[in-house]
Amino acid sequence: MDYVIIVAGGKGLRMGSDIPKQFLPIGGKPVLMRTLERFREYSPTLQIILVLPKAQQEYWEKLCQKHNFTVAYQLADGGETRFHSVQHGLALIQDDAEGVVGVHDGVRPFPSIDVIRRCYETAREKKAVIPVIPVVETVRHLKGETSETVPRNDYRLVQTPQCFDIQLLKAANRQPYNDGFTDDASVVESYGHAITLVEGNRENIKITTPYDLKIAEVLIG
């Protein structure tokens, strides 16, 4: 059986809003609802685990009632960091479970169905898969007071869902936390497993600023 852990722990600080960014509306519906709906669209049998800070859960439940939101999911409490939040989500998956688990940012409502499918299907063989897109801007590396251009073809921008064999991600998440864990791929890489890259989609933006929200309205439109 396959799972997705949707991590939504944002406080909305960069958005300049009192409302956490995952609850802000795009096209009249909260970002987080659109994210859950996209994964349900991918698969009617995918087990969805939503990780939310305890302090936000009551507000989320009221939003669900207001919007008659009916997508089924299990709820886990957010942790101190993303790493700990994913641990809480993994705890809801049986220890002997087999299959693929994806980890996805709650504020990325636009992964294409093709990209989701590509990540899950590739992970069945490769065990650890992330979607990436090319860097289109020129990139400079800062070196103290100076900087230098680096070959952008050597770099990729990382998206989610990041998909893993369930047993691999569970084992990797038993490691002690360290500051180098910037995403789930870095956790699995630290455990010693190679990461496979697949093509992502440029619309799969992470909504963190008012500008992103404007782009999201255009994408919905």
Protein backbone atom coordinates (compact mmCIF):
# COMPACT_ATOMS: atom_id res chain seq x y z
CA MET A 1 0.00 0.00 0.00
CA ASP A 2 1.23 3.51 -0.82
CA TYR A 3 1.14 6.58 1.41
CA VAL A 4 1.80 10.29 1.24
CA ILE A 5 2.80 12.40 4.23
CA ILE A 6 1.77 16.00 3.61
CA VAL A 7 3.73 18.31 5.88
CA ALA A 8 2.11 21.68 6.65
CA GLY A 9 3.89 23.53 9.42
CA GLY A 10 4.22 27.05 8.03
CA LYS A 11 3.52 30.09 10.19
CA GLY A 12 3.04 32.51 7.30
CA LEU A 13 5.79 34.94 8.36
CA ARG A 14 7.13 35.60 4.87
CA MET A 15 3.55 36.01 3.67
CA GLY A 16 3.02 38.97 6.00
CA SER A 17 -0.20 37.36 7.18
CA ASP A 18 -1.58 36.26 10.54
CA ILE A 19 -3.05 33.24 8.77
CA PRO A 20 -0.54 30.41 8.10
CA LYS A 21 0.20 30.24 4.38
CA GLN A 22 -1.24 26.73 3.96
CA PHE A 23 -4.68 28.08 4.90
CA LEU A 24 -4.70 31.10 2.57
CA PRO A 25 -7.19 30.81 -0.30
CA ILE A 26 -6.35 30.37 -3.97
CA GLY A 27 -9.34 30.37 -6.26
CA GLY A 28 -11.55 30.56 -3.17
CA LYS A 29 -10.19 27.40 -1.53
CA PRO A 30 -7.34 26.99 1.00
CA VAL A 31 -3.98 25.99 -0.47
CA LEU A 32 -3.78 22.86 1.70
CA MET A 33 -7.14 21.53 0.49
CA ARG A 34 -5.98 21.83 -3.11
CA THR A 35 -2.82 19.92 -2.23
CA LEU A 36 -4.74 17.04 -0.65
CA GLU A 37 -7.19 16.98 -3.56
CA ARG A 38 -4.33 16.66 -6.06
CA PHE A 39 -3.07 13.49 -4.38
CA ARG A 40 -6.56 12.07 -4.14
CA GLU A 41 -6.93 12.78 -7.86
CA TYR A 42 -3.73 10.80 -8.46
CA SER A 43 -5.06 7.77 -6.59
CA PRO A 44 -8.36 6.97 -4.83
CA THR A 45 -6.57 4.38 -2.65
CA LEU A 46 -3.49 6.39 -1.62
CA GLN A 47 -3.36 6.69 2.18
CA ILE A 48 -3.00 10.39 3.03
CA ILE A 49 -1.36 11.48 6.29
CA LEU A 50 -1.56 15.20 7.10
CA VAL A 51 0.94 16.61 9.59
CA LEU A 52 -0.24 19.86 11.19
CA PRO A 53 0.93 21.78 14.28
CA LYS A 54 -1.38 21.02 17.21
CA ALA A 55 -2.22 24.72 17.56
CA GLN A 56 -3.56 24.86 13.97
CA GLN A 57 -5.72 21.76 13.97
CA GLU A 58 -8.91 23.33 15.33
CA TYR A 59 -8.73 26.12 12.74
CA TRP A 60 -8.18 23.55 9.99
CA GLU A 61 -11.22 21.54 11.12
CA LYS A 62 -13.38 24.68 10.93
CA LEU A 63 -12.11 25.34 7.40
CA CYS A 64 -12.99 21.76 6.42
CA GLN A 65 -16.54 22.24 7.68
CA LYS A 66 -16.86 25.60 5.94
CA HIS A 67 -15.73 24.18 2.58
CA ASN A 68 -17.46 20.79 2.96
CA PHE A 69 -14.05 19.15 2.52
CA THR A 70 -14.42 15.36 2.35
CA VAL A 71 -11.00 13.99 1.30
CA ALA A 72 -10.11 11.25 3.81
CA TYR A 73 -6.82 11.51 5.71
CA GLN A 74 -5.14 10.66 9.01
CA LEU A 75 -3.89 13.52 11.17
CA ALA A 76 -0.53 13.68 12.94
CA ASP A 77 0.88 16.42 15.16
CA GLY A 78 3.65 18.61 13.78
CA GLY A 79 7.11 18.36 15.32
CA GLU A 80 9.87 20.80 16.19
CA THR A 81 11.39 20.49 12.69
CA ARG A 82 10.34 19.02 9.35
CA PHE A 83 12.39 15.92 10.22
CA HIS A 84 10.41 15.40 13.42
CA SER A 85 7.10 16.12 11.67
CA VAL A 86 7.85 13.40 9.13
CA GLN A 87 8.72 11.05 12.00
CA HIS A 88 5.26 11.70 13.47
CA GLY A 89 3.66 10.95 10.10
CA LEU A 90 5.70 7.75 9.66
CA ALA A 91 4.54 6.59 13.10
CA LEU A 92 1.02 6.20 11.65
CA ILE A 93 2.33 3.67 9.10
CA GLN A 94 2.65 0.09 10.35
CA ASP A 95 6.23 -0.99 11.11
CA ASP A 96 6.01 -3.90 8.67
CA ALA A 97 4.29 -1.94 5.87
CA GLU A 98 5.51 -2.43 2.32
CA GLY A 99 5.15 0.01 -0.55
CA VAL A 100 6.11 3.60 -1.29
CA VAL A 101 5.67 6.67 0.89
CA GLY A 102 5.85 10.17 -0.55
CA VAL A 103 6.61 13.28 1.49
CA HIS A 104 5.12 16.49 0.11
CA ASP A 105 5.01 20.15 1.08
CA GLY A 106 1.49 21.23 2.04
CA VAL A 107 2.05 24.54 0.23
CA ARG A 108 2.79 22.90 -3.14
CA PRO A 109 -0.72 22.44 -4.61
CA PHE A 110 0.37 22.02 -8.26
CA PRO A 111 2.45 18.86 -8.73
CA SER A 112 1.26 17.38 -12.00
CA ILE A 113 -0.38 13.94 -11.87
CA ASP A 114 2.34 12.74 -14.27
CA VAL A 115 5.08 13.89 -11.89
CA ILE A 116 3.42 12.23 -8.88
CA ARG A 117 3.04 8.99 -10.84
CA ARG A 118 6.64 9.18 -12.10
CA CYS A 119 7.94 9.59 -8.54
CA TYR A 120 5.94 6.69 -7.10
CA GLU A 121 6.58 4.29 -9.97
CA THR A 122 10.32 5.00 -10.11
CA ALA A 123 10.59 4.59 -6.32
CA ARG A 124 9.33 0.99 -6.58
CA GLU A 125 12.63 0.11 -8.24
CA LYS A 126 15.07 2.83 -7.14
CA LYS A 127 13.80 3.20 -3.52
CA ALA A 128 14.56 6.94 -3.23
CA VAL A 129 13.32 9.44 -5.84
CA ILE A 130 12.95 13.22 -6.02
CA PRO A 131 11.51 15.47 -8.76
CA VAL A 132 13.80 18.25 -9.99
CA ILE A 133 13.74 21.03 -12.58
CA PRO A 134 16.62 22.74 -14.40
CA VAL A 135 18.10 26.03 -13.19
CA VAL A 136 17.27 28.69 -15.80
CA GLU A 137 18.96 31.68 -14.15
CA THR A 138 22.68 32.30 -14.02
CA VAL A 139 24.06 31.11 -10.67
CA ARG A 140 26.90 32.71 -8.72
CA HIS A 141 28.78 31.17 -5.81
CA LEU A 142 29.63 33.58 -2.99
CA LYS A 143 33.19 33.33 -1.69
CA GLY A 144 33.69 35.84 1.13
CA GLU A 145 33.88 39.29 -0.45
CA THR A 146 33.94 37.90 -4.00
CA SER A 147 31.76 35.63 -6.14
CA GLU A 148 32.05 33.50 -9.25
CA THR A 149 29.70 32.10 -11.86
CA VAL A 150 29.12 28.35 -11.65
CA PRO A 151 27.81 26.13 -14.49
CA ARG A 152 24.04 26.08 -14.01
CA ASN A 153 23.78 22.79 -15.92
CA ASP A 154 25.49 21.17 -12.94
CA TYR A 155 22.59 22.10 -10.64
CA ARG A 156 18.91 21.29 -10.23
CA LEU A 157 16.08 22.76 -8.14
CA VAL A 158 14.43 20.19 -5.89
CA GLN A 159 10.65 19.77 -5.52
CA THR A 160 8.30 17.35 -3.79
CA PRO A 161 6.81 14.72 -3.57
CA GLN A 162 9.99 12.94 -2.57
CA CYS A 163 9.19 9.21 -2.69
CA PHE A 164 10.85 6.35 -0.85
CA ASP A 165 10.52 2.70 -0.03
CA ILE A 166 8.63 2.75 3.28
CA GLN A 167 11.17 0.61 5.15
CA LEU A 168 14.07 2.73 3.86
CA LEU A 169 12.52 6.02 5.02
CA LYS A 170 11.57 4.55 8.39
CA ALA A 171 15.14 3.33 8.92
CA ALA A 172 16.67 6.63 7.76
CA ASN A 173 14.41 8.59 10.12
CA ARG A 174 15.76 6.65 13.11
CA GLN A 175 19.03 8.59 12.74
CA PRO A 176 19.72 11.38 15.22
CA TYR A 177 18.63 14.76 13.85
CA ASN A 178 21.24 17.12 12.43
CA ASP A 179 21.06 20.56 10.79
CA GLY A 180 22.06 19.10 7.43
CA PHE A 181 18.62 17.51 7.09
CA THR A 182 17.09 20.13 4.78
CA ASP A 183 14.65 17.70 3.14
CA ASP A 184 13.85 13.99 3.19
CA ALA A 185 16.33 13.17 0.45
CA SER A 186 19.14 14.56 2.62
CA VAL A 187 18.00 12.27 5.46
CA VAL A 188 18.04 9.19 3.22
CA GLU A 189 21.34 10.24 1.64
CA SER A 190 22.88 10.58 5.11
CA TYR A 191 21.73 7.02 5.80
CA GLY A 192 23.79 5.90 2.79
CA HIS A 193 21.26 5.43 -0.02
CA ALA A 194 21.61 7.08 -3.43
CA ILE A 195 18.90 9.44 -4.68
CA THR A 196 17.39 9.10 -8.15
CA LEU A 197 16.27 12.27 -9.96
CA VAL A 198 13.17 12.46 -12.16
CA GLU A 199 11.73 15.38 -14.10
CA GLY A 200 9.43 17.67 -12.13
CA ASN A 201 7.02 20.34 -13.39
CA ARG A 202 7.70 24.08 -13.21
CA GLU A 203 4.15 24.87 -12.00
CA ASN A 204 4.88 22.88 -8.83
CA ILE A 205 5.78 26.05 -6.91
CA LYS A 206 6.12 26.34 -3.14
CA ILE A 207 3.78 29.11 -1.97
CA THR A 208 5.72 31.17 0.58
CA THR A 209 5.33 34.84 -0.45
CA PRO A 210 2.53 37.16 -1.64
CA TYR A 211 4.07 36.97 -5.13
CA ASP A 212 3.72 33.17 -5.10
CA LEU A 213 0.07 33.58 -4.16
CA LYS A 214 -0.49 35.78 -7.24
CA ILE A 215 1.18 33.18 -9.46
CA ALA A 216 -1.02 30.49 -7.90
CA GLU A 217 -4.18 32.49 -8.74
CA VAL A 218 -3.04 32.60 -12.37
CA LEU A 219 -2.34 28.84 -12.39
CA ILE A 220 -5.79 28.13 -10.95
CA GLY A 221 -7.38 30.47 -13.50
